[in-house]
C-alpha atoms as a PDB file:
ATOM      1  CA  UNK A   1     -15.576   9.717  12.517  1.00  0.00           C
ATOM      2  CA  UNK A   2     -16.803  13.222  11.970  1.00  0.00           C
ATOM      3  CA  UNK A   3     -15.231  16.471  11.953  1.00  0.00           C
ATOM      4  CA  UNK A   4     -11.823  17.932  11.543  1.00  0.00           C
ATOM      5  CA  UNK A   5     -10.426  15.898  14.270  1.00  0.00           C
ATOM      6  CA  UNK A   6     -11.885  12.576  12.638  1.00  0.00           C
ATOM      7  CA  UNK A   7     -10.433  13.571   9.282  1.00  0.00           C
ATOM      8  CA  UNK A   8      -7.014  14.348  10.966  1.00  0.00           C
ATOM      9  CA  UNK A   9      -7.234  10.753  12.535  1.00  0.00           C
ATOM     10  CA  UNK A  10      -7.956   9.118   9.369  1.00  0.00           C
ATOM     11  CA  UNK A  11      -5.277  10.820   7.501  1.00  0.00           C
ATOM     12  CA  UNK A  12      -2.652  10.147  10.217  1.00  0.00           C
ATOM     13  CA  UNK A  13      -3.755   6.277  10.226  1.00  0.00           C
ATOM     14  CA  UNK A  14      -3.385   6.319   6.380  1.00  0.00           C
ATOM     15  CA  UNK A  15       0.196   7.631   6.597  1.00  0.00           C
ATOM     16  CA  UNK A  16       1.080   5.144   9.238  1.00  0.00           C
ATOM     17  CA  UNK A  17      -0.404   2.362   7.073  1.00  0.00           C
ATOM     18  CA  UNK A  18       1.462   3.453   4.129  1.00  0.00           C
ATOM     19  CA  UNK A  19       4.904   3.710   5.989  1.00  0.00           C
ATOM     20  CA  UNK A  20       4.381   0.282   7.706  1.00  0.00           C
ATOM     21  CA  UNK A  21       3.485  -1.231   4.143  1.00  0.00           C
ATOM     22  CA  UNK A  22       6.638   0.461   2.600  1.00  0.00           C
ATOM     23  CA  UNK A  23       8.843  -1.028   5.470  1.00  0.00           C
ATOM     24  CA  UNK A  24       7.514  -4.404   5.274  1.00  0.00           C
ATOM     25  CA  UNK A  25       7.357  -4.664   1.537  1.00  0.00           C
ATOM     26  CA  UNK A  26      11.063  -3.400   1.332  1.00  0.00           C
ATOM     27  CA  UNK A  27      11.992  -6.020   4.044  1.00  0.00           C
ATOM     28  CA  UNK A  28      10.423  -8.704   2.258  1.00  0.00           C
ATOM     29  CA  UNK A  29      11.983  -7.739  -1.180  1.00  0.00           C
ATOM     30  CA  UNK A  30      15.399  -8.277   0.384  1.00  0.00           C
ATOM     31  CA  UNK A  31      14.396 -11.517   2.074  1.00  0.00           C
ATOM     32  CA  UNK A  32      13.055 -13.084  -1.082  1.00  0.00           C
ATOM     33  CA  UNK A  33      15.658 -11.438  -3.828  1.00  0.00           C
ATOM     34  CA  UNK A  34      13.462 -12.105  -6.623  1.00  0.00           C
ATOM     35  CA  UNK A  35      14.881  -9.970  -9.562  1.00  0.00           C
ATOM     36  CA  UNK A  36      12.739  -7.695 -11.886  1.00  0.00           C
ATOM     37  CA  UNK A  37      11.750  -9.085 -15.266  1.00  0.00           C
ATOM     38  CA  UNK A  38      13.832  -6.188 -16.765  1.00  0.00           C
ATOM     39  CA  UNK A  39      16.234  -4.118 -14.763  1.00  0.00           C
ATOM     40  CA  UNK A  40      15.543  -0.923 -16.904  1.00  0.00           C
ATOM     41  CA  UNK A  41      13.196   0.124 -19.564  1.00  0.00           C
ATOM     42  CA  UNK A  42      12.792   3.224 -21.647  1.00  0.00           C
ATOM     43  CA  UNK A  43      10.302   4.656 -18.870  1.00  0.00           C
ATOM     44  CA  UNK A  44      11.808   3.077 -15.773  1.00  0.00           C
ATOM     45  CA  UNK A  45      15.034   2.754 -13.961  1.00  0.00           C
ATOM     46  CA  UNK A  46      14.470   0.949 -10.471  1.00  0.00           C
ATOM     47  CA  UNK A  47      16.009   2.035  -7.187  1.00  0.00           C
ATOM     48  CA  UNK A  48      16.584  -1.466  -6.396  1.00  0.00           C
ATOM     49  CA  UNK A  49      16.871  -4.656  -8.399  1.00  0.00           C
ATOM     50  CA  UNK A  50      14.305  -6.857  -6.481  1.00  0.00           C
ATOM     51  CA  UNK A  51      10.509  -7.064  -7.470  1.00  0.00           C
ATOM     52  CA  UNK A  52       8.619  -9.225  -4.996  1.00  0.00           C
ATOM     53  CA  UNK A  53       6.437  -7.910  -3.559  1.00  0.00           C
ATOM     54  CA  UNK A  54       5.536  -4.856  -5.440  1.00  0.00           C
ATOM     55  CA  UNK A  55       5.669  -1.771  -3.066  1.00  0.00           C
ATOM     56  CA  UNK A  56       3.500   0.304  -5.264  1.00  0.00           C
ATOM     57  CA  UNK A  57       0.801  -2.309  -5.351  1.00  0.00           C
ATOM     58  CA  UNK A  58       1.050  -2.942  -1.501  1.00  0.00           C
ATOM     59  CA  UNK A  59       0.688   0.647  -0.743  1.00  0.00           C
ATOM     60  CA  UNK A  60      -2.165   1.436  -2.992  1.00  0.00           C
ATOM     61  CA  UNK A  61      -3.944  -1.545  -1.718  1.00  0.00           C
ATOM     62  CA  UNK A  62      -3.486  -0.746   1.957  1.00  0.00           C
ATOM     63  CA  UNK A  63      -4.886   2.638   1.264  1.00  0.00           C
ATOM     64  CA  UNK A  64      -7.744   1.416  -1.091  1.00  0.00           C
ATOM     65  CA  UNK A  65      -8.839  -1.070   1.691  1.00  0.00           C
ATOM     66  CA  UNK A  66      -8.636   1.612   4.388  1.00  0.00           C
ATOM     67  CA  UNK A  67     -10.569   4.111   2.373  1.00  0.00           C
ATOM     68  CA  UNK A  68     -13.141   1.539   1.461  1.00  0.00           C
ATOM     69  CA  UNK A  69     -14.093   0.942   4.982  1.00  0.00           C
ATOM     70  CA  UNK A  70     -15.260   4.625   5.263  1.00  0.00           C
ATOM     71  CA  UNK A  71     -16.552   5.216   1.791  1.00  0.00           C
ATOM     72  CA  UNK A  72     -17.611   2.498  -0.567  1.00  0.00           C
ATOM     73  CA  UNK A  73     -17.524   4.840  -3.782  1.00  0.00           C
ATOM     74  CA  UNK A  74     -14.145   6.360  -2.842  1.00  0.00           C
ATOM     75  CA  UNK A  75     -12.825   2.647  -1.903  1.00  0.00           C
ATOM     76  CA  UNK A  76     -13.983   1.621  -5.434  1.00  0.00           C
ATOM     77  CA  UNK A  77     -12.182   4.307  -7.089  1.00  0.00           C
ATOM     78  CA  UNK A  78      -9.061   3.743  -5.092  1.00  0.00           C
ATOM     79  CA  UNK A  79      -9.402   0.075  -6.000  1.00  0.00           C
ATOM     80  CA  UNK A  80      -9.558   0.815  -9.760  1.00  0.00           C
ATOM     81  CA  UNK A  81      -6.412   2.957  -9.294  1.00  0.00           C
ATOM     82  CA  UNK A  82      -4.740   0.227  -7.568  1.00  0.00           C
ATOM     83  CA  UNK A  83      -5.442  -2.384 -10.393  1.00  0.00           C
ATOM     84  CA  UNK A  84      -4.492   0.193 -13.097  1.00  0.00           C
ATOM     85  CA  UNK A  85      -1.208   1.007 -11.459  1.00  0.00           C
ATOM     86  CA  UNK A  86      -0.595  -2.601 -10.969  1.00  0.00           C
ATOM     87  CA  UNK A  87      -1.337  -3.603 -14.452  1.00  0.00           C
ATOM     88  CA  UNK A  88       0.980  -0.784 -15.512  1.00  0.00           C
ATOM     89  CA  UNK A  89       3.751  -2.162 -13.529  1.00  0.00           C
ATOM     90  CA  UNK A  90       3.412  -5.553 -15.170  1.00  0.00           C
ATOM     91  CA  UNK A  91       2.832  -4.249 -18.698  1.00  0.00           C
ATOM     92  CA  UNK A  92       6.085  -2.027 -18.414  1.00  0.00           C
ATOM     93  CA  UNK A  93       7.944  -5.086 -17.470  1.00  0.00           C
ATOM     94  CA  UNK A  94       9.199  -3.934 -14.139  1.00  0.00           C
ATOM     95  CA  UNK A  95       7.176  -6.625 -12.178  1.00  0.00           C
ATOM     96  CA  UNK A  96       5.949 -10.085 -12.641  1.00  0.00           C
ATOM     97  CA  UNK A  97       2.224 -10.518 -12.329  1.00  0.00           C
ATOM     98  CA  UNK A  98       2.751 -12.524  -8.945  1.00  0.00           C
ATOM     99  CA  UNK A  99       4.745  -9.391  -7.680  1.00  0.00           C
ATOM    100  CA  UNK A 100       1.832  -7.166  -7.906  1.00  0.00           C
ATOM    101  CA  UNK A 101      -0.793  -9.850  -6.659  1.00  0.00           C
ATOM    102  CA  UNK A 102       1.378 -10.480  -3.611  1.00  0.00           C
ATOM    103  CA  UNK A 103       1.631  -6.716  -2.956  1.00  0.00           C
ATOM    104  CA  UNK A 104      -2.056  -6.237  -3.247  1.00  0.00           C
ATOM    105  CA  UNK A 105      -2.652  -9.228  -0.743  1.00  0.00           C
ATOM    106  CA  UNK A 106       0.092  -7.882   1.434  1.00  0.00           C
ATOM    107  CA  UNK A 107      -1.625  -4.476   1.608  1.00  0.00           C
ATOM    108  CA  UNK A 108      -5.013  -5.813   2.469  1.00  0.00           C
ATOM    109  CA  UNK A 109      -3.280  -8.098   5.080  1.00  0.00           C
ATOM    110  CA  UNK A 110      -1.330  -4.959   6.736  1.00  0.00           C
ATOM    111  CA  UNK A 111      -4.535  -3.096   6.682  1.00  0.00           C
ATOM    112  CA  UNK A 112      -6.476  -5.806   8.407  1.00  0.00           C
ATOM    113  CA  UNK A 113      -3.826  -6.285  11.175  1.00  0.00           C
ATOM    114  CA  UNK A 114      -3.119  -2.630  11.856  1.00  0.00           C
ATOM    115  CA  UNK A 115      -6.158  -0.701  11.471  1.00  0.00           C
ATOM    116  CA  UNK A 116      -7.692  -0.927  14.921  1.00  0.00           C
ATOM    117  CA  UNK A 117      -4.268  -0.595  16.893  1.00  0.00           C
ATOM    118  CA  UNK A 118      -3.335   2.316  14.642  1.00  0.00           C
ATOM    119  CA  UNK A 119      -6.828   3.963  15.216  1.00  0.00           C
ATOM    120  CA  UNK A 120      -6.587   3.620  18.941  1.00  0.00           C
ATOM    121  CA  UNK A 121      -2.763   4.741  19.167  1.00  0.00           C
ATOM    122  CA  UNK A 122      -3.247   7.739  16.930  1.00  0.00           C
ATOM    123  CA  UNK A 123      -6.537   8.764  18.661  1.00  0.00           C
ATOM    124  CA  UNK A 124      -5.034   8.403  22.020  1.00  0.00           C
ATOM    125  CA  UNK A 125      -1.798  10.183  21.095  1.00  0.00           C
ATOM    126  CA  UNK A 126      -3.156  13.075  19.337  1.00  0.00           C
ATOM    127  CA  UNK A 127      -6.743  13.455  20.250  1.00  0.00           C
ATOM    128  CA  UNK A 128      -7.179  12.457  23.791  1.00  0.00           C
ATOM    129  CA  UNK A 129      -8.714  14.950  26.162  1.00  0.00           C
END
């Protein structure tokens, strides 16, 4: 994908992937109802009390995976950011390790399932001539 139209397509797909991931992760949180290790810390007061899977890890993973298909170097940077944020979520005691691992796998799975249909839909809706 080259040019302004291609960049807009990639950005719209990234937004769609992030929104789908937030929706799925939020739905799964209320299905599993796993409490956080700590309901609040000196740095963090969560919006909800459920931790599994981590929405932060899932969204960052879906974006890192998507970016990685178009640029290995940017994808590697995005992967490092994903891992650092995930580590911070565990270290700050707002997630269990399994919460962020599940979030990362969820993000990768959503990217894998949605990329081709999302690409075709966005291209058709916004750029079809």
